[in-house]
Amino acid sequence: MLGKKRRIGREIDKIVEGEKLKLTEKIEDKDLLLYLGLTNDSNPLYIQHDYASQTEFDKPIVPTIMLNGIVTSAISKYLPGPGSHVTEQHLLFPTHVHHYETIEFLFEVIRVEKEKDSIVIMVEATNEEGKTVISGTVTVIPPSVRENLTSDAMENF
């Protein structure tokens, strides 16, 4: 695996405040079932329609940690991209999300902290009715690749 070329995201010196990323995600049953299977989470509020209909939510809702996964996935894939590492999160979930809803995500770099080698990304997500379902910030260490250690270390051999 060493030496294999991989695409990495942008390093901190190539990121500027004000950069934005917009994504749209539709929450499908297959995604929920994968989450529930992987985590062994059997909360009836997430999957049982008969139970959820007897609650204030009326229908099954999406676990907030699953929505959080969409946020971290977007950071890993796009902004700043592969090789990034989330170090801090402050996310609020003011409105619940039902199955099959389409969610619009907006990510914006609000601070580049070169001295800390990190960036702060504002996250806002809204449902089809325009209600906020996620609001907050994520602190990320963008990818950085050290110089090839073997090339210099092996010069004397």
C-alpha atoms as a PDB file:
ATOM      1  CA  MET A   1       0.000   0.000   0.000  1.00  0.00           C
ATOM      2  CA  LEU A   2       2.913   2.368   0.581  1.00  0.00           C
ATOM      3  CA  GLY A   3       3.756   4.419  -2.432  1.00  0.00           C
ATOM      4  CA  LYS A   4       0.322   3.924  -4.012  1.00  0.00           C
ATOM      5  CA  LYS A   5      -0.958   7.227  -5.397  1.00  0.00           C
ATOM      6  CA  ARG A   6      -4.177   8.317  -3.736  1.00  0.00           C
ATOM      7  CA  ARG A   7      -6.189  11.459  -4.195  1.00  0.00           C
ATOM      8  CA  ILE A   8      -6.088  13.609  -1.101  1.00  0.00           C
ATOM      9  CA  GLY A   9      -8.033  16.720  -0.251  1.00  0.00           C
ATOM     10  CA  ARG A  10      -6.715  20.242  -0.189  1.00  0.00           C
ATOM     11  CA  GLU A  11      -4.072  21.258   2.299  1.00  0.00           C
ATOM     12  CA  ILE A  12      -4.670  24.234   4.575  1.00  0.00           C
ATOM     13  CA  ASP A  13      -2.766  26.735   2.423  1.00  0.00           C
ATOM     14  CA  LYS A  14      -5.174  26.071  -0.463  1.00  0.00           C
ATOM     15  CA  ILE A  15      -8.347  26.739   1.557  1.00  0.00           C
ATOM     16  CA  VAL A  16      -9.881  30.200   1.936  1.00  0.00           C
ATOM     17  CA  GLU A  17     -12.557  31.623   4.192  1.00  0.00           C
ATOM     18  CA  GLY A  18     -15.905  31.877   2.451  1.00  0.00           C
ATOM     19  CA  GLU A  19     -15.607  28.657   0.423  1.00  0.00           C
ATOM     20  CA  LYS A  20     -18.971  26.895   0.196  1.00  0.00           C
ATOM     21  CA  LEU A  21     -20.276  23.446  -0.581  1.00  0.00           C
ATOM     22  CA  LYS A  22     -23.926  22.544  -1.146  1.00  0.00           C
ATOM     23  CA  LEU A  23     -25.215  18.978  -1.051  1.00  0.00           C
ATOM     24  CA  THR A  24     -28.640  17.364  -1.276  1.00  0.00           C
ATOM     25  CA  GLU A  25     -29.324  14.050   0.444  1.00  0.00           C
ATOM     26  CA  LYS A  26     -32.514  12.004   0.432  1.00  0.00           C
ATOM     27  CA  ILE A  27     -32.948   9.725   3.437  1.00  0.00           C
ATOM     28  CA  GLU A  28     -33.916   6.258   2.169  1.00  0.00           C
ATOM     29  CA  ASP A  29     -34.952   3.114   4.065  1.00  0.00           C
ATOM     30  CA  LYS A  30     -31.855   1.282   2.849  1.00  0.00           C
ATOM     31  CA  ASP A  31     -29.640   3.895   4.533  1.00  0.00           C
ATOM     32  CA  LEU A  32     -31.573   3.615   7.795  1.00  0.00           C
ATOM     33  CA  LEU A  33     -31.455  -0.169   7.737  1.00  0.00           C
ATOM     34  CA  LEU A  34     -27.694  -0.126   7.154  1.00  0.00           C
ATOM     35  CA  TYR A  35     -27.243   2.259  10.087  1.00  0.00           C
ATOM     36  CA  LEU A  36     -29.450   0.190  12.385  1.00  0.00           C
ATOM     37  CA  GLY A  37     -27.693  -3.023  11.342  1.00  0.00           C
ATOM     38  CA  LEU A  38     -24.203  -1.620  11.830  1.00  0.00           C
ATOM     39  CA  THR A  39     -24.921  -0.071  15.217  1.00  0.00           C
ATOM     40  CA  ASN A  40     -27.385  -2.679  16.515  1.00  0.00           C
ATOM     41  CA  ASP A  41     -29.624   0.250  17.431  1.00  0.00           C
ATOM     42  CA  SER A  42     -33.132  -1.067  17.970  1.00  0.00           C
ATOM     43  CA  ASN A  43     -34.851   2.170  18.964  1.00  0.00           C
ATOM     44  CA  PRO A  44     -38.452   1.719  17.748  1.00  0.00           C
ATOM     45  CA  LEU A  45     -38.687   5.447  17.079  1.00  0.00           C
ATOM     46  CA  TYR A  46     -36.304   5.005  14.136  1.00  0.00           C
ATOM     47  CA  ILE A  47     -38.052   2.188  12.262  1.00  0.00           C
ATOM     48  CA  GLN A  48     -41.410   1.100  13.705  1.00  0.00           C
ATOM     49  CA  HIS A  49     -44.270   3.032  12.166  1.00  0.00           C
ATOM     50  CA  ASP A  50     -46.849   1.755  14.675  1.00  0.00           C
ATOM     51  CA  TYR A  51     -44.738   2.876  17.636  1.00  0.00           C
ATOM     52  CA  ALA A  52     -43.787   6.251  16.107  1.00  0.00           C
ATOM     53  CA  SER A  53     -47.445   6.991  15.285  1.00  0.00           C
ATOM     54  CA  GLN A  54     -48.140   7.015  19.047  1.00  0.00           C
ATOM     55  CA  THR A  55     -45.466   9.642  19.725  1.00  0.00           C
ATOM     56  CA  GLU A  56     -45.171  13.377  19.128  1.00  0.00           C
ATOM     57  CA  PHE A  57     -43.198  12.562  15.928  1.00  0.00           C
ATOM     58  CA  ASP A  58     -46.113  10.720  14.209  1.00  0.00           C
ATOM     59  CA  LYS A  59     -43.712   8.839  11.900  1.00  0.00           C
ATOM     60  CA  PRO A  60     -40.275   7.225  12.330  1.00  0.00           C
ATOM     61  CA  ILE A  61     -37.426   9.719  12.501  1.00  0.00           C
ATOM     62  CA  VAL A  62     -33.811   9.613  11.372  1.00  0.00           C
ATOM     63  CA  PRO A  63     -31.208   9.189  14.143  1.00  0.00           C
ATOM     64  CA  THR A  64     -29.228  12.396  14.589  1.00  0.00           C
ATOM     65  CA  ILE A  65     -25.968  10.446  14.566  1.00  0.00           C
ATOM     66  CA  MET A  66     -26.836   9.305  11.038  1.00  0.00           C
ATOM     67  CA  LEU A  67     -27.238  12.949   9.982  1.00  0.00           C
ATOM     68  CA  ASN A  68     -23.914  13.640  11.650  1.00  0.00           C
ATOM     69  CA  GLY A  69     -22.450  10.894   9.480  1.00  0.00           C
ATOM     70  CA  ILE A  70     -23.576  12.744   6.353  1.00  0.00           C
ATOM     71  CA  VAL A  71     -21.764  15.846   7.647  1.00  0.00           C
ATOM     72  CA  THR A  72     -18.486  14.033   8.325  1.00  0.00           C
ATOM     73  CA  SER A  73     -18.742  12.160   5.038  1.00  0.00           C
ATOM     74  CA  ALA A  74     -19.045  15.447   3.115  1.00  0.00           C
ATOM     75  CA  ILE A  75     -15.924  16.722   4.865  1.00  0.00           C
ATOM     76  CA  SER A  76     -14.039  13.515   4.047  1.00  0.00           C
ATOM     77  CA  LYS A  77     -15.147  13.517   0.416  1.00  0.00           C
ATOM     78  CA  TYR A  78     -15.245  17.184  -0.571  1.00  0.00           C
ATOM     79  CA  LEU A  79     -14.317  19.948   1.866  1.00  0.00           C
ATOM     80  CA  PRO A  80     -11.393  19.735   2.399  1.00  0.00           C
ATOM     81  CA  GLY A  81     -11.546  16.120   1.169  1.00  0.00           C
ATOM     82  CA  PRO A  82      -9.776  12.779   1.656  1.00  0.00           C
ATOM     83  CA  GLY A  83      -7.231  12.794   4.457  1.00  0.00           C
ATOM     84  CA  SER A  84      -9.189  15.289   6.594  1.00  0.00           C
ATOM     85  CA  HIS A  85      -9.792  14.679  10.278  1.00  0.00           C
ATOM     86  CA  VAL A  86     -12.662  16.100  12.339  1.00  0.00           C
ATOM     87  CA  THR A  87     -11.440  17.176  15.789  1.00  0.00           C
ATOM     88  CA  GLU A  88     -14.428  19.038  17.199  1.00  0.00           C
ATOM     89  CA  GLN A  89     -18.155  19.303  16.529  1.00  0.00           C
ATOM     90  CA  HIS A  90     -20.861  21.604  17.838  1.00  0.00           C
ATOM     91  CA  LEU A  91     -24.070  20.575  16.099  1.00  0.00           C
ATOM     92  CA  LEU A  92     -27.666  21.267  17.043  1.00  0.00           C
ATOM     93  CA  PHE A  93     -30.627  19.319  15.649  1.00  0.00           C
ATOM     94  CA  PRO A  94     -33.576  21.702  16.220  1.00  0.00           C
ATOM     95  CA  THR A  95     -36.035  19.866  13.957  1.00  0.00           C
ATOM     96  CA  HIS A  96     -36.352  16.129  13.529  1.00  0.00           C
ATOM     97  CA  VAL A  97     -36.070  14.470  10.104  1.00  0.00           C
ATOM     98  CA  HIS A  98     -38.556  11.864   8.903  1.00  0.00           C
ATOM     99  CA  HIS A  99     -37.814   9.010   6.548  1.00  0.00           C
ATOM    100  CA  TYR A 100     -37.770   9.937   2.831  1.00  0.00           C
ATOM    101  CA  GLU A 101     -37.130  13.628   3.474  1.00  0.00           C
ATOM    102  CA  THR A 102     -34.707  15.496   1.244  1.00  0.00           C
ATOM    103  CA  ILE A 103     -32.178  17.573   3.149  1.00  0.00           C
ATOM    104  CA  GLU A 104     -30.158  20.486   1.738  1.00  0.00           C
ATOM    105  CA  PHE A 105     -26.737  20.892   3.347  1.00  0.00           C
ATOM    106  CA  LEU A 106     -24.622  24.036   3.234  1.00  0.00           C
ATOM    107  CA  PHE A 107     -20.989  23.960   4.378  1.00  0.00           C
ATOM    108  CA  GLU A 108     -18.946  27.159   4.586  1.00  0.00           C
ATOM    109  CA  VAL A 109     -15.367  27.682   5.714  1.00  0.00           C
ATOM    110  CA  ILE A 110     -15.681  30.446   8.296  1.00  0.00           C
ATOM    111  CA  ARG A 111     -12.142  30.374   9.701  1.00  0.00           C
ATOM    112  CA  VAL A 112      -8.737  29.197   8.528  1.00  0.00           C
ATOM    113  CA  GLU A 113      -6.474  28.795  11.556  1.00  0.00           C
ATOM    114  CA  LYS A 114      -3.046  28.133  10.083  1.00  0.00           C
ATOM    115  CA  GLU A 115      -1.339  28.401  13.475  1.00  0.00           C
ATOM    116  CA  LYS A 116      -3.532  25.509  14.703  1.00  0.00           C
ATOM    117  CA  ASP A 117      -3.402  23.722  11.326  1.00  0.00           C
ATOM    118  CA  SER A 118      -7.199  23.598  11.284  1.00  0.00           C
ATOM    119  CA  ILE A 119     -10.257  25.118   9.688  1.00  0.00           C
ATOM    120  CA  VAL A 120     -13.722  25.768  11.072  1.00  0.00           C
ATOM    121  CA  ILE A 121     -16.666  24.890   8.868  1.00  0.00           C
ATOM    122  CA  MET A 122     -20.185  26.184   9.490  1.00  0.00           C
ATOM    123  CA  VAL A 123     -22.872  23.576   8.791  1.00  0.00           C
ATOM    124  CA  GLU A 124     -26.516  24.368   8.091  1.00  0.00           C
ATOM    125  CA  ALA A 125     -29.072  21.884   6.818  1.00  0.00           C
ATOM    126  CA  THR A 126     -32.735  22.429   5.994  1.00  0.00           C
ATOM    127  CA  ASN A 127     -35.631  20.164   5.111  1.00  0.00           C
ATOM    128  CA  GLU A 128     -38.051  20.545   2.219  1.00  0.00           C
ATOM    129  CA  GLU A 129     -40.123  23.041   4.236  1.00  0.00           C
ATOM    130  CA  GLY A 130     -37.071  25.235   4.821  1.00  0.00           C
ATOM    131  CA  LYS A 131     -36.847  24.357   8.510  1.00  0.00           C
ATOM    132  CA  THR A 132     -33.362  24.053   9.982  1.00  0.00           C
ATOM    133  CA  VAL A 133     -32.536  20.457  10.893  1.00  0.00           C
ATOM    134  CA  ILE A 134     -28.803  20.920  11.620  1.00  0.00           C
ATOM    135  CA  SER A 135     -26.915  24.024  12.695  1.00  0.00           C
ATOM    136  CA  GLY A 136     -23.401  24.360  14.016  1.00  0.00           C
ATOM    137  CA  THR A 137     -19.684  24.135  13.368  1.00  0.00           C
ATOM    138  CA  VAL A 138     -17.085  21.468  12.742  1.00  0.00           C
ATOM    139  CA  THR A 139     -13.349  21.920  13.279  1.00  0.00           C
ATOM    140  CA  VAL A 140     -11.232  19.992  10.797  1.00  0.00           C
ATOM    141  CA  ILE A 141      -7.557  19.290  10.275  1.00  0.00           C
ATOM    142  CA  PRO A 142      -7.095  19.322   6.487  1.00  0.00           C
ATOM    143  CA  PRO A 143      -4.914  16.628   4.945  1.00  0.00           C
ATOM    144  CA  SER A 144      -1.171  17.011   4.931  1.00  0.00           C
ATOM    145  CA  VAL A 145       1.380  14.571   3.639  1.00  0.00           C
ATOM    146  CA  ARG A 146       4.837  14.313   5.088  1.00  0.00           C
ATOM    147  CA  GLU A 147       7.757  14.080   2.757  1.00  0.00           C
ATOM    148  CA  ASN A 148       8.612  10.567   1.659  1.00  0.00           C
ATOM    149  CA  LEU A 149      10.629   9.320   4.598  1.00  0.00           C
ATOM    150  CA  THR A 150      12.217   6.389   2.798  1.00  0.00           C
ATOM    151  CA  SER A 151      13.787   8.387  -0.017  1.00  0.00           C
ATOM    152  CA  ASP A 152      15.966  10.523   2.290  1.00  0.00           C
ATOM    153  CA  ALA A 153      16.549   7.875   4.919  1.00  0.00           C
ATOM    154  CA  MET A 154      17.845   5.367   2.376  1.00  0.00           C
ATOM    155  CA  GLU A 155      20.295   7.749   0.640  1.00  0.00           C
ATOM    156  CA  ASN A 156      23.255   6.353   2.570  1.00  0.00           C
ATOM    157  CA  PHE A 157      22.564   2.748   1.540  1.00  0.00           C
END
